[in-house]
Each structure stands twice: as C-alpha cells, then as structure tokens.
Amino acid sequence: MDAGKRRIAESASMMLIGEGVLALWRPEAHCRLWRGDAGPWSRLVDWFVDRPNVVRAVAAAEVATGCWLAFRQERGPARSVR
C-alpha cells in the first residue's frame, strides 16, 4: 500500500476509533448531537437515542474496525513514510 493510501487508512482508523469511543461513553448524548430538523433523519436518530445498547454495539464494532484497519497496515516488512 502506498503512503497516500496508508494515510487515508490511518485517518479513517482514527475517526472510527474516536467516534466509537465517544458513542460507547455517552451513547444518548452522542446521538443527540446528530439530530437535525424534523424528518426521516431525526426519526432515525431518535430511534438510536432510545436504544443506547444498540448504539454501544455499533460503537464497539466501529472501534474494532478502526483497530483492525490500523493493525492491518503494520503487517509485512517494516515501511517508512517519506
């Protein structure tokens, strides 16, 4: 994988892990941040606000995916980014 793709993968890993940790920590508050005006989006967000354990499960999957993506880059010979 070239350096540009590794940087993109690293950035995606950081976002997945960070967002997942925030959602694990305070699922209802984190979901409420995404509530918009009335409409389908707000109804979807409200559904998640009412189900914090679903949010936690999705968040745990995000953290796991972010870690997998980050660790996947480290396989193979040592690489340097120049």
PDB file of N, CA and C in Angstrom:
ATOM      1  N   MET A   1       0.858  -1.167   0.000  1.00  0.00           N
ATOM      2  CA  MET A   1       0.000   0.000   0.000  1.00  0.00           C
ATOM      3  C   MET A   1       0.909   1.235   0.000  1.00  0.00           C
ATOM      4  N   ASP A   2       0.634   2.189  -0.876  1.00  0.00           N
ATOM      5  CA  ASP A   2       1.492   3.373  -0.930  1.00  0.00           C
ATOM      6  C   ASP A   2       1.183   4.320   0.231  1.00  0.00           C
ATOM      7  N   ALA A   3       2.042   5.316   0.391  1.00  0.00           N
ATOM      8  CA  ALA A   3       1.947   6.216   1.543  1.00  0.00           C
ATOM      9  C   ALA A   3       0.613   6.952   1.586  1.00  0.00           C
ATOM     10  N   GLY A   4       0.106   7.392   0.450  1.00  0.00           N
ATOM     11  CA  GLY A   4      -1.168   8.110   0.423  1.00  0.00           C
ATOM     12  C   GLY A   4      -2.311   7.256   0.921  1.00  0.00           C
ATOM     13  N   LYS A   5      -2.360   6.014   0.475  1.00  0.00           N
ATOM     14  CA  LYS A   5      -3.426   5.107   0.922  1.00  0.00           C
ATOM     15  C   LYS A   5      -3.282   4.782   2.397  1.00  0.00           C
ATOM     16  N   ARG A   6      -2.041   4.659   2.866  1.00  0.00           N
ATOM     17  CA  ARG A   6      -1.828   4.380   4.292  1.00  0.00           C
ATOM     18  C   ARG A   6      -2.295   5.560   5.144  1.00  0.00           C
ATOM     19  N   ARG A   7      -2.055   6.779   4.661  1.00  0.00           N
ATOM     20  CA  ARG A   7      -2.509   7.958   5.414  1.00  0.00           C
ATOM     21  C   ARG A   7      -4.033   8.005   5.480  1.00  0.00           C
ATOM     22  N   ILE A   8      -4.671   7.699   4.372  1.00  0.00           N
ATOM     23  CA  ILE A   8      -6.139   7.681   4.352  1.00  0.00           C
ATOM     24  C   ILE A   8      -6.665   6.614   5.306  1.00  0.00           C
ATOM     25  N   ALA A   9      -6.060   5.423   5.252  1.00  0.00           N
ATOM     26  CA  ALA A   9      -6.483   4.339   6.145  1.00  0.00           C
ATOM     27  C   ALA A   9      -6.245   4.709   7.604  1.00  0.00           C
ATOM     28  N   GLU A  10      -5.124   5.372   7.890  1.00  0.00           N
ATOM     29  CA  GLU A  10      -4.817   5.795   9.263  1.00  0.00           C
ATOM     30  C   GLU A  10      -5.831   6.834   9.737  1.00  0.00           C
ATOM     31  N   SER A  11      -6.181   7.776   8.874  1.00  0.00           N
ATOM     32  CA  SER A  11      -7.177   8.792   9.227  1.00  0.00           C
ATOM     33  C   SER A  11      -8.536   8.157   9.480  1.00  0.00           C
ATOM     34  N   ALA A  12      -8.924   7.213   8.626  1.00  0.00           N
ATOM     35  CA  ALA A  12     -10.195   6.509   8.824  1.00  0.00           C
ATOM     36  C   ALA A  12     -10.177   5.741  10.140  1.00  0.00           C
ATOM     37  N   SER A  13      -9.054   5.120  10.454  1.00  0.00           N
ATOM     38  CA  SER A  13      -8.922   4.388  11.720  1.00  0.00           C
ATOM     39  C   SER A  13      -9.130   5.313  12.904  1.00  0.00           C
ATOM     40  N   MET A  14      -8.484   6.472  12.867  1.00  0.00           N
ATOM     41  CA  MET A  14      -8.606   7.418  13.979  1.00  0.00           C
ATOM     42  C   MET A  14     -10.046   7.899  14.135  1.00  0.00           C
ATOM     43  N   MET A  15     -10.707   8.180  13.020  1.00  0.00           N
ATOM     44  CA  MET A  15     -12.099   8.647  13.108  1.00  0.00           C
ATOM     45  C   MET A  15     -13.017   7.557  13.639  1.00  0.00           C
ATOM     46  N   LEU A  16     -12.856   6.326  13.157  1.00  0.00           N
ATOM     47  CA  LEU A  16     -13.698   5.226  13.634  1.00  0.00           C
ATOM     48  C   LEU A  16     -13.494   4.978  15.124  1.00  0.00           C
ATOM     49  N   ILE A  17     -12.243   4.946  15.548  1.00  0.00           N
ATOM     50  CA  ILE A  17     -11.947   4.671  16.952  1.00  0.00           C
ATOM     51  C   ILE A  17     -12.464   5.808  17.836  1.00  0.00           C
ATOM     52  N   GLY A  18     -12.183   7.036  17.457  1.00  0.00           N
ATOM     53  CA  GLY A  18     -12.616   8.181  18.259  1.00  0.00           C
ATOM     54  C   GLY A  18     -14.132   8.283  18.358  1.00  0.00           C
ATOM     55  N   GLU A  19     -14.809   8.165  17.239  1.00  0.00           N
ATOM     56  CA  GLU A  19     -16.265   8.244  17.238  1.00  0.00           C
ATOM     57  C   GLU A  19     -16.864   7.082  18.032  1.00  0.00           C
ATOM     58  N   GLY A  20     -16.274   5.911  17.885  1.00  0.00           N
ATOM     59  CA  GLY A  20     -16.750   4.745  18.619  1.00  0.00           C
ATOM     60  C   GLY A  20     -16.591   4.894  20.121  1.00  0.00           C
ATOM     61  N   VAL A  21     -15.457   5.430  20.550  1.00  0.00           N
ATOM     62  CA  VAL A  21     -15.224   5.628  21.985  1.00  0.00           C
ATOM     63  C   VAL A  21     -16.226   6.640  22.552  1.00  0.00           C
ATOM     64  N   LEU A  22     -16.458   7.735  21.830  1.00  0.00           N
ATOM     65  CA  LEU A  22     -17.437   8.718  22.297  1.00  0.00           C
ATOM     66  C   LEU A  22     -18.829   8.102  22.411  1.00  0.00           C
ATOM     67  N   ALA A  23     -19.211   7.296  21.433  1.00  0.00           N
ATOM     68  CA  ALA A  23     -20.534   6.670  21.459  1.00  0.00           C
ATOM     69  C   ALA A  23     -20.633   5.616  22.562  1.00  0.00           C
ATOM     70  N   LEU A  24     -19.544   4.930  22.864  1.00  0.00           N
ATOM     71  CA  LEU A  24     -19.552   3.979  23.981  1.00  0.00           C
ATOM     72  C   LEU A  24     -19.708   4.708  25.313  1.00  0.00           C
ATOM     73  N   TRP A  25     -19.049   5.827  25.431  1.00  0.00           N
ATOM     74  CA  TRP A  25     -19.010   6.578  26.678  1.00  0.00           C
ATOM     75  C   TRP A  25     -20.362   7.210  26.999  1.00  0.00           C
ATOM     76  N   ARG A  26     -20.976   7.903  26.019  1.00  0.00           N
ATOM     77  CA  ARG A  26     -22.246   8.591  26.246  1.00  0.00           C
ATOM     78  C   ARG A  26     -23.140   8.416  25.025  1.00  0.00           C
ATOM     79  N   PRO A  27     -23.746   7.244  24.852  1.00  0.00           N
ATOM     80  CA  PRO A  27     -24.490   6.968  23.624  1.00  0.00           C
ATOM     81  C   PRO A  27     -25.650   7.912  23.343  1.00  0.00           C
ATOM     82  N   GLU A  28     -26.433   8.244  24.355  1.00  0.00           N
ATOM     83  CA  GLU A  28     -27.588   9.112  24.119  1.00  0.00           C
ATOM     84  C   GLU A  28     -27.140  10.520  23.729  1.00  0.00           C
ATOM     85  N   ALA A  29     -26.209  11.079  24.484  1.00  0.00           N
ATOM     86  CA  ALA A  29     -25.730  12.433  24.209  1.00  0.00           C
ATOM     87  C   ALA A  29     -25.053  12.497  22.839  1.00  0.00           C
ATOM     88  N   HIS A  30     -24.287  11.472  22.516  1.00  0.00           N
ATOM     89  CA  HIS A  30     -23.600  11.452  21.221  1.00  0.00           C
ATOM     90  C   HIS A  30     -24.606  11.415  20.074  1.00  0.00           C
ATOM     91  N   CYS A  31     -25.634  10.634  20.209  1.00  0.00           N
ATOM     92  CA  CYS A  31     -26.651  10.558  19.152  1.00  0.00           C
ATOM     93  C   CYS A  31     -27.421  11.867  19.027  1.00  0.00           C
ATOM     94  N   ARG A  32     -27.711  12.490  20.162  1.00  0.00           N
ATOM     95  CA  ARG A  32     -28.475  13.746  20.113  1.00  0.00           C
ATOM     96  C   ARG A  32     -27.745  14.831  19.325  1.00  0.00           C
ATOM     97  N   LEU A  33     -26.410  14.770  19.307  1.00  0.00           N
ATOM     98  CA  LEU A  33     -25.646  15.746  18.526  1.00  0.00           C
ATOM     99  C   LEU A  33     -25.979  15.672  17.039  1.00  0.00           C
ATOM    100  N   TRP A  34     -26.422  14.523  16.579  1.00  0.00           N
ATOM    101  CA  TRP A  34     -26.694  14.312  15.159  1.00  0.00           C
ATOM    102  C   TRP A  34     -28.148  14.580  14.794  1.00  0.00           C
ATOM    103  N   ARG A  35     -28.965  14.952  15.771  1.00  0.00           N
ATOM    104  CA  ARG A  35     -30.376  15.234  15.487  1.00  0.00           C
ATOM    105  C   ARG A  35     -30.459  16.506  14.648  1.00  0.00           C
ATOM    106  N   GLY A  36     -31.283  16.455  13.630  1.00  0.00           N
ATOM    107  CA  GLY A  36     -31.470  17.617  12.763  1.00  0.00           C
ATOM    108  C   GLY A  36     -32.887  18.132  12.876  1.00  0.00           C
ATOM    109  N   ASP A  37     -33.332  18.774  11.838  1.00  0.00           N
ATOM    110  CA  ASP A  37     -34.715  19.231  11.787  1.00  0.00           C
ATOM    111  C   ASP A  37     -35.641  18.024  11.701  1.00  0.00           C
ATOM    112  N   ALA A  38     -36.923  18.281  11.852  1.00  0.00           N
ATOM    113  CA  ALA A  38     -37.902  17.191  11.764  1.00  0.00           C
ATOM    114  C   ALA A  38     -37.779  16.503  10.414  1.00  0.00           C
ATOM    115  N   GLY A  39     -38.020  15.232  10.398  1.00  0.00           N
ATOM    116  CA  GLY A  39     -37.952  14.474   9.156  1.00  0.00           C
ATOM    117  C   GLY A  39     -37.393  13.096   9.395  1.00  0.00           C
ATOM    118  N   PRO A  40     -37.132  12.382   8.321  1.00  0.00           N
ATOM    119  CA  PRO A  40     -36.658  11.000   8.457  1.00  0.00           C
ATOM    120  C   PRO A  40     -35.355  10.897   9.248  1.00  0.00           C
ATOM    121  N   TRP A  41     -34.447  11.847   9.058  1.00  0.00           N
ATOM    122  CA  TRP A  41     -33.161  11.784   9.763  1.00  0.00           C
ATOM    123  C   TRP A  41     -33.376  11.876  11.278  1.00  0.00           C
ATOM    124  N   SER A  42     -34.196  12.818  11.712  1.00  0.00           N
ATOM    125  CA  SER A  42     -34.464  12.973  13.147  1.00  0.00           C
ATOM    126  C   SER A  42     -35.141  11.739  13.728  1.00  0.00           C
ATOM    127  N   ARG A  43     -36.054  11.151  12.978  1.00  0.00           N
ATOM    128  CA  ARG A  43     -36.711   9.926  13.473  1.00  0.00           C
ATOM    129  C   ARG A  43     -35.694   8.796  13.628  1.00  0.00           C
ATOM    130  N   LEU A  44     -34.762   8.704  12.685  1.00  0.00           N
ATOM    131  CA  LEU A  44     -33.728   7.670  12.789  1.00  0.00           C
ATOM    132  C   LEU A  44     -32.844   7.920  14.006  1.00  0.00           C
ATOM    133  N   VAL A  45     -32.410   9.164  14.191  1.00  0.00           N
ATOM    134  CA  VAL A  45     -31.573   9.494  15.343  1.00  0.00           C
ATOM    135  C   VAL A  45     -32.333   9.230  16.634  1.00  0.00           C
ATOM    136  N   ASP A  46     -33.605   9.607  16.698  1.00  0.00           N
ATOM    137  CA  ASP A  46     -34.413   9.355  17.897  1.00  0.00           C
ATOM    138  C   ASP A  46     -34.506   7.861  18.196  1.00  0.00           C
ATOM    139  N   TRP A  47     -34.598   7.049  17.148  1.00  0.00           N
ATOM    140  CA  TRP A  47     -34.638   5.598  17.329  1.00  0.00           C
ATOM    141  C   TRP A  47     -33.376   5.135  18.054  1.00  0.00           C
ATOM    142  N   PHE A  48     -32.221   5.659  17.646  1.00  0.00           N
ATOM    143  CA  PHE A  48     -30.961   5.285  18.295  1.00  0.00           C
ATOM    144  C   PHE A  48     -30.862   5.862  19.705  1.00  0.00           C
ATOM    145  N   VAL A  49     -31.338   7.089  19.919  1.00  0.00           N
ATOM    146  CA  VAL A  49     -31.304   7.695  21.253  1.00  0.00           C
ATOM    147  C   VAL A  49     -32.069   6.822  22.242  1.00  0.00           C
ATOM    148  N   ASP A  50     -33.170   6.254  21.790  1.00  0.00           N
ATOM    149  CA  ASP A  50     -33.997   5.404  22.647  1.00  0.00           C
ATOM    150  C   ASP A  50     -33.412   4.008  22.854  1.00  0.00           C
ATOM    151  N   ARG A  51     -32.346   3.674  22.143  1.00  0.00           N
ATOM    152  CA  ARG A  51     -31.736   2.338  22.218  1.00  0.00           C
ATOM    153  C   ARG A  51     -30.224   2.437  22.431  1.00  0.00           C
ATOM    154  N   PRO A  52     -29.801   2.867  23.616  1.00  0.00           N
ATOM    155  CA  PRO A  52     -28.366   3.068  23.849  1.00  0.00           C
ATOM    156  C   PRO A  52     -27.537   1.795  23.710  1.00  0.00           C
ATOM    157  N   ASN A  53     -28.104   0.635  23.986  1.00  0.00           N
ATOM    158  CA  ASN A  53     -27.325  -0.595  23.835  1.00  0.00           C
ATOM    159  C   ASN A  53     -27.056  -0.924  22.372  1.00  0.00           C
ATOM    160  N   VAL A  54     -27.966  -0.548  21.489  1.00  0.00           N
ATOM    161  CA  VAL A  54     -27.711  -0.711  20.051  1.00  0.00           C
ATOM    162  C   VAL A  54     -26.565   0.217  19.650  1.00  0.00           C
ATOM    163  N   VAL A  55     -26.605   1.454  20.158  1.00  0.00           N
ATOM    164  CA  VAL A  55     -25.535   2.411  19.859  1.00  0.00           C
ATOM    165  C   VAL A  55     -24.204   1.867  20.368  1.00  0.00           C
ATOM    166  N   ARG A  56     -24.196   1.305  21.559  1.00  0.00           N
ATOM    167  CA  ARG A  56     -22.952   0.745  22.108  1.00  0.00           C
ATOM    168  C   ARG A  56     -22.431  -0.410  21.253  1.00  0.00           C
ATOM    169  N   ALA A  57     -23.329  -1.252  20.758  1.00  0.00           N
ATOM    170  CA  ALA A  57     -22.906  -2.374  19.906  1.00  0.00           C
ATOM    171  C   ALA A  57     -22.298  -1.864  18.602  1.00  0.00           C
ATOM    172  N   VAL A  58     -22.943  -0.880  18.005  1.00  0.00           N
ATOM    173  CA  VAL A  58     -22.410  -0.297  16.766  1.00  0.00           C
ATOM    174  C   VAL A  58     -21.069   0.382  17.054  1.00  0.00           C
ATOM    175  N   ALA A  59     -20.980   1.080  18.183  1.00  0.00           N
ATOM    176  CA  ALA A  59     -19.741   1.759  18.552  1.00  0.00           C
ATOM    177  C   ALA A  59     -18.607   0.773  18.780  1.00  0.00           C
ATOM    178  N   ALA A  60     -18.892  -0.331  19.432  1.00  0.00           N
ATOM    179  CA  ALA A  60     -17.862  -1.354  19.643  1.00  0.00           C
ATOM    180  C   ALA A  60     -17.378  -1.914  18.309  1.00  0.00           C
ATOM    181  N   ALA A  61     -18.298  -2.097  17.378  1.00  0.00           N
ATOM    182  CA  ALA A  61     -17.923  -2.565  16.043  1.00  0.00           C
ATOM    183  C   ALA A  61     -17.063  -1.518  15.328  1.00  0.00           C
ATOM    184  N   GLU A  62     -17.369  -0.235  15.528  1.00  0.00           N
ATOM    185  CA  GLU A  62     -16.554   0.831  14.933  1.00  0.00           C
ATOM    186  C   GLU A  62     -15.133   0.804  15.483  1.00  0.00           C
ATOM    187  N   VAL A  63     -15.009   0.682  16.795  1.00  0.00           N
ATOM    188  CA  VAL A  63     -13.684   0.646  17.420  1.00  0.00           C
ATOM    189  C   VAL A  63     -12.907  -0.570  16.908  1.00  0.00           C
ATOM    190  N   ALA A  64     -13.559  -1.718  16.858  1.00  0.00           N
ATOM    191  CA  ALA A  64     -12.898  -2.931  16.372  1.00  0.00           C
ATOM    192  C   ALA A  64     -12.458  -2.775  14.918  1.00  0.00           C
ATOM    193  N   THR A  65     -13.314  -2.199  14.095  1.00  0.00           N
ATOM    194  CA  THR A  65     -12.976  -1.992  12.689  1.00  0.00           C
ATOM    195  C   THR A  65     -11.814  -1.009  12.550  1.00  0.00           C
ATOM    196  N   GLY A  66     -11.838   0.061  13.330  1.00  0.00           N
ATOM    197  CA  GLY A  66     -10.741   1.027  13.292  1.00  0.00           C
ATOM    198  C   GLY A  66      -9.420   0.405  13.713  1.00  0.00           C
ATOM    199  N   CYS A  67      -9.446  -0.403  14.753  1.00  0.00           N
ATOM    200  CA  CYS A  67      -8.230  -1.098  15.196  1.00  0.00           C
ATOM    201  C   CYS A  67      -7.749  -2.083  14.145  1.00  0.00           C
ATOM    202  N   TRP A  68      -8.673  -2.843  13.581  1.00  0.00           N
ATOM    203  CA  TRP A  68      -8.304  -3.799  12.531  1.00  0.00           C
ATOM    204  C   TRP A  68      -7.641  -3.074  11.357  1.00  0.00           C
ATOM    205  N   LEU A  69      -8.229  -1.961  10.950  1.00  0.00           N
ATOM    206  CA  LEU A  69      -7.690  -1.205   9.827  1.00  0.00           C
ATOM    207  C   LEU A  69      -6.291  -0.683  10.147  1.00  0.00           C
ATOM    208  N   ALA A  70      -6.090  -0.180  11.355  1.00  0.00           N
ATOM    209  CA  ALA A  70      -4.778   0.330  11.757  1.00  0.00           C
ATOM    210  C   ALA A  70      -3.750  -0.787  11.839  1.00  0.00           C
ATOM    211  N   PHE A  71      -4.102  -1.902  12.477  1.00  0.00           N
ATOM    212  CA  PHE A  71      -3.152  -3.003  12.625  1.00  0.00           C
ATOM    213  C   PHE A  71      -2.864  -3.690  11.298  1.00  0.00           C
ATOM    214  N   ARG A  72      -3.823  -3.666  10.396  1.00  0.00           N
ATOM    215  CA  ARG A  72      -3.655  -4.287   9.080  1.00  0.00           C
ATOM    216  C   ARG A  72      -2.515  -3.618   8.305  1.00  0.00           C
ATOM    217  N   GLN A  73      -2.318  -2.350   8.532  1.00  0.00           N
ATOM    218  CA  GLN A  73      -1.258  -1.623   7.837  1.00  0.00           C
ATOM    219  C   GLN A  73       0.128  -2.034   8.309  1.00  0.00           C
ATOM    220  N   GLU A  74       0.218  -2.596   9.485  1.00  0.00           N
ATOM    221  CA  GLU A  74       1.521  -2.918  10.064  1.00  0.00           C
ATOM    222  C   GLU A  74       2.050  -4.284   9.653  1.00  0.00           C
ATOM    223  N   ARG A  75       1.240  -5.075   8.967  1.00  0.00           N
ATOM    224  CA  ARG A  75       1.701  -6.396   8.538  1.00  0.00           C
ATOM    225  C   ARG A  75       2.762  -6.249   7.450  1.00  0.00           C
ATOM    226  N   GLY A  76       3.572  -7.243   7.347  1.00  0.00           N
ATOM    227  CA  GLY A  76       4.596  -7.245   6.295  1.00  0.00           C
ATOM    228  C   GLY A  76       5.858  -6.567   6.777  1.00  0.00           C
ATOM    229  N   PRO A  77       6.790  -6.325   5.844  1.00  0.00           N
ATOM    230  CA  PRO A  77       8.075  -5.711   6.216  1.00  0.00           C
ATOM    231  C   PRO A  77       7.860  -4.298   6.732  1.00  0.00           C
ATOM    232  N   ALA A  78       8.794  -3.852   7.537  1.00  0.00           N
ATOM    233  CA  ALA A  78       8.719  -2.503   8.084  1.00  0.00           C
ATOM    234  C   ALA A  78       8.729  -1.501   6.929  1.00  0.00           C
ATOM    235  N   ARG A  79       7.876  -0.500   7.046  1.00  0.00           N
ATOM    236  CA  ARG A  79       7.770   0.508   5.996  1.00  0.00           C
ATOM    237  C   ARG A  79       7.961   1.880   6.603  1.00  0.00           C
ATOM    238  N   SER A  80       8.545   2.767   5.844  1.00  0.00           N
ATOM    239  CA  SER A  80       8.642   4.143   6.296  1.00  0.00           C
ATOM    240  C   SER A  80       7.858   5.028   5.335  1.00  0.00           C
ATOM    241  N   VAL A  81       7.298   6.066   5.880  1.00  0.00           N
ATOM    242  CA  VAL A  81       6.540   7.022   5.072  1.00  0.00           C
ATOM    243  C   VAL A  81       7.461   8.205   4.802  1.00  0.00           C
ATOM    244  N   ARG A  82       7.719   8.452   3.553  1.00  0.00           N
ATOM    245  CA  ARG A  82       8.624   9.573   3.183  1.00  0.00           C
ATOM    246  C   ARG A  82       7.921  10.512   2.296  1.00  0.00           C
TER     247      ARG A  82
END
